[in-house]
């Protein structure tokens, strides 16, 4: 329950940040051409509602891929990662975008959020506690004073302790059933 609350808060913060940035037009605008105009229109449509329409999201993801081939941009990598994260079955694409962002732009303001998303993908989508713990550790090493550092530390503790706790619960249940049989 605690994990779900922390993860949900993290998701809400990240999605709200993206939505707010798109709404107020954060980042510098680049000279627009037809492709950029189309991309902006798709973004406006996709983020005009609370839930991302799957078909529109896939169109937006294709547009991001095409634009990123022409020019690598950290904001666009982040947006593409968030769109992929929110589209069922596109975790691989989300991981690709977030990883590229953290490798190419480790000092960019979105890099900590991208690493946090990577941890969420491992933990919640791929159910890989070990790799999620590695990502939470990476987060804490790279960004120990970031606003999400406490969340990452808690998630790291939970990811590392989950296996031990599960073993303890199973042993207790086993002992309890043994005691009930006798």
Protein backbone atom coordinates (compact mmCIF):
# COMPACT_ATOMS: atom_id res chain seq x y z
CA UNK A 1 0.00 0.00 0.00
CA UNK A 2 2.82 2.40 0.91
CA UNK A 3 4.69 1.52 -2.29
CA UNK A 4 1.59 2.12 -4.39
CA UNK A 5 1.01 5.52 -2.75
CA UNK A 6 4.60 6.60 -3.32
CA UNK A 7 4.57 5.39 -6.91
CA UNK A 8 1.21 7.03 -7.58
CA UNK A 9 2.44 10.33 -6.12
CA UNK A 10 5.55 10.10 -8.30
CA UNK A 11 3.47 9.38 -11.40
CA UNK A 12 1.11 12.24 -10.62
CA UNK A 13 3.97 14.70 -10.12
CA UNK A 14 5.66 13.69 -13.34
CA UNK A 15 2.49 13.68 -15.45
CA UNK A 16 1.34 16.98 -13.94
CA UNK A 17 4.76 18.50 -14.65
CA UNK A 18 4.63 17.40 -18.27
CA UNK A 19 1.08 18.63 -18.71
CA UNK A 20 1.89 21.96 -17.09
CA UNK A 21 5.02 22.41 -19.20
CA UNK A 22 3.10 21.74 -22.38
CA UNK A 23 0.27 24.03 -21.30
CA UNK A 24 2.52 26.98 -20.54
CA UNK A 25 5.04 26.19 -23.27
CA UNK A 26 8.15 25.53 -21.18
CA UNK A 27 11.47 25.37 -22.94
CA UNK A 28 12.61 27.45 -25.83
CA UNK A 29 10.72 27.15 -29.03
CA UNK A 30 12.70 26.28 -32.09
CA UNK A 31 12.05 27.57 -35.57
CA UNK A 32 8.88 25.86 -36.68
CA UNK A 33 8.40 23.94 -39.84
CA UNK A 34 5.51 21.73 -40.92
CA UNK A 35 6.77 18.74 -38.90
CA UNK A 36 7.14 20.79 -35.71
CA UNK A 37 3.70 22.33 -36.22
CA UNK A 38 2.19 18.86 -36.68
CA UNK A 39 4.00 17.65 -33.58
CA UNK A 40 2.72 20.58 -31.54
CA UNK A 41 -0.82 19.96 -32.74
CA UNK A 42 -0.57 16.29 -31.79
CA UNK A 43 0.77 17.27 -28.35
CA UNK A 44 -2.08 19.71 -27.81
CA UNK A 45 -4.63 17.07 -28.78
CA UNK A 46 -3.00 14.31 -26.76
CA UNK A 47 -2.69 16.36 -23.58
CA UNK A 48 -6.01 18.17 -23.77
CA UNK A 49 -7.61 15.40 -21.69
CA UNK A 50 -6.61 13.67 -18.47
CA UNK A 51 -6.15 10.26 -20.10
CA UNK A 52 -3.99 9.72 -23.13
CA UNK A 53 -5.95 8.37 -26.10
CA UNK A 54 -4.06 5.27 -27.25
CA UNK A 55 -4.30 5.91 -31.00
CA UNK A 56 -3.34 9.55 -30.60
CA UNK A 57 -0.54 8.54 -28.25
CA UNK A 58 0.88 6.14 -30.83
CA UNK A 59 0.75 8.88 -33.49
CA UNK A 60 2.54 11.23 -31.12
CA UNK A 61 5.15 8.59 -30.33
CA UNK A 62 5.84 8.12 -34.07
CA UNK A 63 6.12 11.89 -34.49
CA UNK A 64 8.59 12.10 -31.59
CA UNK A 65 10.69 9.32 -33.11
CA UNK A 66 10.80 11.10 -36.46
CA UNK A 67 11.67 14.44 -34.90
CA UNK A 68 14.37 12.88 -32.70
CA UNK A 69 16.02 11.39 -35.78
CA UNK A 70 16.48 14.91 -37.12
CA UNK A 71 17.53 16.53 -33.86
CA UNK A 72 18.15 15.00 -30.45
CA UNK A 73 16.45 17.13 -27.82
CA UNK A 74 16.28 16.35 -24.07
CA UNK A 75 12.78 17.79 -23.59
CA UNK A 76 11.48 15.78 -26.51
CA UNK A 77 13.18 12.62 -25.23
CA UNK A 78 11.43 13.14 -21.90
CA UNK A 79 8.03 13.80 -23.48
CA UNK A 80 8.42 10.75 -25.73
CA UNK A 81 9.33 8.64 -22.69
CA UNK A 82 6.28 9.81 -20.79
CA UNK A 83 3.98 9.15 -23.71
CA UNK A 84 5.44 5.67 -24.19
CA UNK A 85 5.18 5.01 -20.43
CA UNK A 86 1.48 5.85 -20.51
CA UNK A 87 0.76 3.63 -23.51
CA UNK A 88 0.18 -0.03 -22.62
CA UNK A 89 2.91 -2.31 -23.94
CA UNK A 90 5.38 0.46 -24.76
CA UNK A 91 7.65 0.11 -21.74
CA UNK A 92 10.61 -0.80 -23.96
CA UNK A 93 10.22 2.47 -25.86
CA UNK A 94 9.84 4.45 -22.64
CA UNK A 95 12.97 2.84 -21.24
CA UNK A 96 14.85 3.66 -24.45
CA UNK A 97 13.89 7.35 -24.36
CA UNK A 98 14.57 7.78 -20.64
CA UNK A 99 17.90 5.97 -20.89
CA UNK A 100 19.01 8.07 -23.87
CA UNK A 101 18.13 11.20 -21.94
CA UNK A 102 20.10 10.19 -18.87
CA UNK A 103 23.14 9.17 -20.92
CA UNK A 104 23.24 12.09 -23.36
CA UNK A 105 22.06 14.81 -20.95
CA UNK A 106 22.89 13.71 -17.38
CA UNK A 107 22.85 17.29 -16.09
CA UNK A 108 19.55 18.25 -17.73
CA UNK A 109 16.72 19.10 -15.33
CA UNK A 110 14.65 16.17 -16.67
CA UNK A 111 17.40 13.56 -16.14
CA UNK A 112 16.48 12.77 -12.51
CA UNK A 113 12.84 12.30 -13.49
CA UNK A 114 13.88 10.04 -16.36
CA UNK A 115 15.86 7.84 -13.97
CA UNK A 116 12.91 7.78 -11.58
CA UNK A 117 10.66 6.63 -14.43
CA UNK A 118 13.15 3.88 -15.27
CA UNK A 119 12.88 2.63 -11.70
CA UNK A 120 9.08 2.67 -11.93
CA UNK A 121 9.20 0.65 -15.15
CA UNK A 122 11.41 -2.02 -13.61
CA UNK A 123 9.39 -2.10 -10.40
CA UNK A 124 5.78 -1.83 -11.57
CA UNK A 125 5.72 -2.91 -15.18
CA UNK A 126 8.45 -5.53 -15.35
CA UNK A 127 8.26 -6.64 -11.68
CA UNK A 128 12.07 -6.71 -11.44
CA UNK A 129 12.88 -5.65 -7.87
CA UNK A 130 16.63 -6.13 -8.25
CA UNK A 131 16.95 -3.88 -11.30
CA UNK A 132 14.59 -1.32 -9.81
CA UNK A 133 16.76 -1.26 -6.69
CA UNK A 134 19.82 -0.68 -8.90
CA UNK A 135 18.05 2.26 -10.55
CA UNK A 136 16.99 3.77 -7.20
CA UNK A 137 20.62 3.46 -6.09
CA UNK A 138 21.80 5.15 -9.29
CA UNK A 139 19.31 7.95 -8.65
CA UNK A 140 20.60 8.52 -5.13
CA UNK A 141 24.24 8.51 -6.22
CA UNK A 142 23.64 10.97 -9.06
CA UNK A 143 21.05 13.23 -7.42
CA UNK A 144 21.26 12.89 -3.62
CA UNK A 145 19.63 16.27 -2.96
CA UNK A 146 16.87 16.09 -5.57
CA UNK A 147 13.25 16.52 -4.48
CA UNK A 148 12.58 12.85 -5.32
CA UNK A 149 15.63 11.54 -3.41
CA UNK A 150 13.57 10.62 -0.32
CA UNK A 151 11.09 8.72 -2.49
CA UNK A 152 13.93 6.92 -4.26
CA UNK A 153 15.49 6.01 -0.90
CA UNK A 154 12.19 4.58 0.37
CA UNK A 155 11.64 2.66 -2.85
CA UNK A 156 15.21 1.34 -2.68
CA UNK A 157 14.64 0.11 0.87
CA UNK A 158 11.37 -1.53 -0.10
CA UNK A 159 12.85 -3.12 -3.22
CA UNK A 160 15.85 -4.52 -1.32
CA UNK A 161 13.78 -5.70 1.66
CA UNK A 162 10.88 -7.19 -0.30
CA UNK A 163 12.55 -10.54 -0.88
CA UNK A 164 13.59 -10.86 2.77
CA UNK A 165 10.15 -9.80 3.98
CA UNK A 166 8.42 -12.25 1.67
CA UNK A 167 10.60 -15.08 2.95
CA UNK A 168 9.74 -14.12 6.54
CA UNK A 169 6.01 -14.05 5.81
CA UNK A 170 6.16 -17.45 4.13
CA UNK A 171 8.06 -18.92 7.10
CA UNK A 172 5.53 -17.44 9.55
CA UNK A 173 2.64 -18.88 7.55
CA UNK A 174 4.37 -22.23 7.43
CA UNK A 175 4.95 -22.19 11.19
CA UNK A 176 1.36 -21.10 11.80
CA UNK A 177 -0.03 -23.93 9.68
CA UNK A 178 2.30 -26.40 11.44
CA UNK A 179 1.04 -25.16 14.82
CA UNK A 180 -2.59 -25.47 13.70
CA UNK A 181 -2.05 -29.05 12.56
CA UNK A 182 -0.62 -30.09 15.93
